[in-house]
Amino acid sequence: MNIIVKYWRDLRVCAKKFVSLSQTIDSSDMDRDINRLKVVLAEKKRTNKWLAEQLGVAPSTVSKWCTNVCQPSLETLLQISENLEVKVQDLIKDKQLS
């Protein structure tokens, strides 16, 4: 039984390391700027904190979206566009223009 427990723990450690490594690789991909949320918030003279309150999420979550560390879900993107009174397309970076 102890061998199974040790194997399970080793497997969990490996899985955590893999997830950590894959996140590092993902964050170093070229041109990760997918959304224009930071720009649109500035244009609308709104803050990360304001948007976080409107959506019921942590300000740190909005910050991660603004810096393109991670991306909001499609449903959240729709809520953001409604709150900022813009089209969803205005929140997404057009790769052809960059």
C-alpha atoms as a PDB file:
ATOM      1  CA  MET A   1       0.000   0.000   0.000  1.00  0.00           C
ATOM      2  CA  ASN A   2       2.857   2.436   0.772  1.00  0.00           C
ATOM      3  CA  ILE A   3       4.247   1.974  -2.735  1.00  0.00           C
ATOM      4  CA  ILE A   4       0.926   3.054  -4.236  1.00  0.00           C
ATOM      5  CA  VAL A   5       0.788   6.163  -2.024  1.00  0.00           C
ATOM      6  CA  LYS A   6       4.371   7.091  -2.953  1.00  0.00           C
ATOM      7  CA  TYR A   7       3.646   6.549  -6.655  1.00  0.00           C
ATOM      8  CA  TRP A   8       0.517   8.718  -6.407  1.00  0.00           C
ATOM      9  CA  ARG A   9       2.460  11.530  -4.682  1.00  0.00           C
ATOM     10  CA  ASP A  10       5.237  11.361  -7.294  1.00  0.00           C
ATOM     11  CA  LEU A  11       2.632  11.488 -10.056  1.00  0.00           C
ATOM     12  CA  ARG A  12       1.017  14.588  -8.512  1.00  0.00           C
ATOM     13  CA  VAL A  13       4.408  16.326  -8.217  1.00  0.00           C
ATOM     14  CA  CYS A  14       5.165  15.581 -11.879  1.00  0.00           C
ATOM     15  CA  ALA A  15       1.751  16.860 -12.947  1.00  0.00           C
ATOM     16  CA  LYS A  16       2.274  20.119 -11.037  1.00  0.00           C
ATOM     17  CA  LYS A  17       5.699  20.599 -12.632  1.00  0.00           C
ATOM     18  CA  PHE A  18       4.246  19.934 -16.082  1.00  0.00           C
ATOM     19  CA  VAL A  19       1.460  22.475 -15.564  1.00  0.00           C
ATOM     20  CA  SER A  20       3.966  25.039 -14.315  1.00  0.00           C
ATOM     21  CA  LEU A  21       6.258  24.418 -17.278  1.00  0.00           C
ATOM     22  CA  SER A  22       3.423  24.600 -19.807  1.00  0.00           C
ATOM     23  CA  GLN A  23       2.269  27.920 -18.335  1.00  0.00           C
ATOM     24  CA  THR A  24       5.819  29.266 -18.645  1.00  0.00           C
ATOM     25  CA  ILE A  25       6.018  28.163 -22.269  1.00  0.00           C
ATOM     26  CA  ASP A  26       2.579  29.630 -23.023  1.00  0.00           C
ATOM     27  CA  SER A  27       3.466  32.981 -21.470  1.00  0.00           C
ATOM     28  CA  SER A  28       6.622  33.230 -23.581  1.00  0.00           C
ATOM     29  CA  ASP A  29       4.831  32.611 -26.874  1.00  0.00           C
ATOM     30  CA  MET A  30       5.336  35.377 -29.363  1.00  0.00           C
ATOM     31  CA  ASP A  31       2.679  38.059 -29.678  1.00  0.00           C
ATOM     32  CA  ARG A  32       0.399  37.071 -26.814  1.00  0.00           C
ATOM     33  CA  ASP A  33      -1.525  40.359 -26.921  1.00  0.00           C
ATOM     34  CA  ILE A  34      -4.943  39.046 -27.821  1.00  0.00           C
ATOM     35  CA  ASN A  35      -7.243  41.640 -26.299  1.00  0.00           C
ATOM     36  CA  ARG A  36      -7.343  45.446 -26.245  1.00  0.00           C
ATOM     37  CA  LEU A  37      -9.028  45.706 -22.867  1.00  0.00           C
ATOM     38  CA  LYS A  38      -6.421  48.040 -21.365  1.00  0.00           C
ATOM     39  CA  VAL A  39      -6.717  50.419 -24.337  1.00  0.00           C
ATOM     40  CA  VAL A  40     -10.521  50.410 -24.326  1.00  0.00           C
ATOM     41  CA  LEU A  41     -10.664  51.016 -20.567  1.00  0.00           C
ATOM     42  CA  ALA A  42      -8.392  54.038 -21.051  1.00  0.00           C
ATOM     43  CA  GLU A  43     -10.494  55.319 -23.961  1.00  0.00           C
ATOM     44  CA  LYS A  44     -13.645  55.010 -21.838  1.00  0.00           C
ATOM     45  CA  LYS A  45     -11.866  56.564 -18.823  1.00  0.00           C
ATOM     46  CA  ARG A  46     -12.653  53.529 -16.673  1.00  0.00           C
ATOM     47  CA  THR A  47     -10.435  51.630 -14.251  1.00  0.00           C
ATOM     48  CA  ASN A  48      -9.671  47.972 -13.683  1.00  0.00           C
ATOM     49  CA  LYS A  49     -11.314  48.320 -10.281  1.00  0.00           C
ATOM     50  CA  TRP A  50     -14.527  49.699 -11.800  1.00  0.00           C
ATOM     51  CA  LEU A  51     -14.720  46.844 -14.317  1.00  0.00           C
ATOM     52  CA  ALA A  52     -14.002  44.268 -11.608  1.00  0.00           C
ATOM     53  CA  GLU A  53     -16.900  45.645  -9.543  1.00  0.00           C
ATOM     54  CA  GLN A  54     -19.239  45.552 -12.552  1.00  0.00           C
ATOM     55  CA  LEU A  55     -18.354  41.929 -13.303  1.00  0.00           C
ATOM     56  CA  GLY A  56     -18.085  40.712  -9.715  1.00  0.00           C
ATOM     57  CA  VAL A  57     -14.491  39.532 -10.115  1.00  0.00           C
ATOM     58  CA  ALA A  58     -11.249  40.375  -8.335  1.00  0.00           C
ATOM     59  CA  PRO A  59      -9.325  43.424  -9.575  1.00  0.00           C
ATOM     60  CA  SER A  60      -6.311  41.127 -10.028  1.00  0.00           C
ATOM     61  CA  THR A  61      -8.323  39.104 -12.565  1.00  0.00           C
ATOM     62  CA  VAL A  62      -9.033  42.208 -14.639  1.00  0.00           C
ATOM     63  CA  SER A  63      -5.362  43.145 -14.357  1.00  0.00           C
ATOM     64  CA  LYS A  64      -4.366  39.768 -15.811  1.00  0.00           C
ATOM     65  CA  TRP A  65      -6.763  40.332 -18.709  1.00  0.00           C
ATOM     66  CA  CYS A  66      -5.393  43.851 -19.312  1.00  0.00           C
ATOM     67  CA  THR A  67      -1.825  42.593 -19.455  1.00  0.00           C
ATOM     68  CA  ASN A  68      -2.832  39.573 -21.565  1.00  0.00           C
ATOM     69  CA  VAL A  69      -1.471  37.138 -18.989  1.00  0.00           C
ATOM     70  CA  CYS A  70      -4.760  35.304 -19.434  1.00  0.00           C
ATOM     71  CA  GLN A  71      -7.972  35.942 -21.333  1.00  0.00           C
ATOM     72  CA  PRO A  72     -11.589  36.347 -20.251  1.00  0.00           C
ATOM     73  CA  SER A  73     -14.102  33.746 -21.353  1.00  0.00           C
ATOM     74  CA  LEU A  74     -16.359  34.545 -24.296  1.00  0.00           C
ATOM     75  CA  GLU A  75     -19.288  35.064 -21.919  1.00  0.00           C
ATOM     76  CA  THR A  76     -17.218  37.487 -19.842  1.00  0.00           C
ATOM     77  CA  LEU A  77     -16.063  39.270 -22.983  1.00  0.00           C
ATOM     78  CA  LEU A  78     -19.725  39.859 -23.846  1.00  0.00           C
ATOM     79  CA  GLN A  79     -20.354  41.265 -20.358  1.00  0.00           C
ATOM     80  CA  ILE A  80     -17.303  43.519 -20.685  1.00  0.00           C
ATOM     81  CA  SER A  81     -18.513  44.859 -24.028  1.00  0.00           C
ATOM     82  CA  GLU A  82     -21.933  45.614 -22.546  1.00  0.00           C
ATOM     83  CA  ASN A  83     -20.446  47.401 -19.526  1.00  0.00           C
ATOM     84  CA  LEU A  84     -18.082  49.463 -21.673  1.00  0.00           C
ATOM     85  CA  GLU A  85     -20.719  50.008 -24.380  1.00  0.00           C
ATOM     86  CA  VAL A  86     -18.475  48.769 -27.187  1.00  0.00           C
ATOM     87  CA  LYS A  87     -18.617  45.933 -29.693  1.00  0.00           C
ATOM     88  CA  VAL A  88     -16.866  42.700 -28.761  1.00  0.00           C
ATOM     89  CA  GLN A  89     -14.710  43.206 -31.860  1.00  0.00           C
ATOM     90  CA  ASP A  90     -13.374  46.429 -30.294  1.00  0.00           C
ATOM     91  CA  LEU A  91     -11.983  44.379 -27.407  1.00  0.00           C
ATOM     92  CA  ILE A  92     -10.070  41.941 -29.611  1.00  0.00           C
ATOM     93  CA  LYS A  93      -6.767  42.826 -31.231  1.00  0.00           C
ATOM     94  CA  ASP A  94      -6.856  42.664 -35.013  1.00  0.00           C
ATOM     95  CA  LYS A  95      -3.727  40.708 -35.983  1.00  0.00           C
ATOM     96  CA  GLN A  96      -3.868  42.173 -39.496  1.00  0.00           C
ATOM     97  CA  LEU A  97      -3.324  45.692 -38.168  1.00  0.00           C
ATOM     98  CA  SER A  98      -0.292  44.818 -36.022  1.00  0.00           C
END
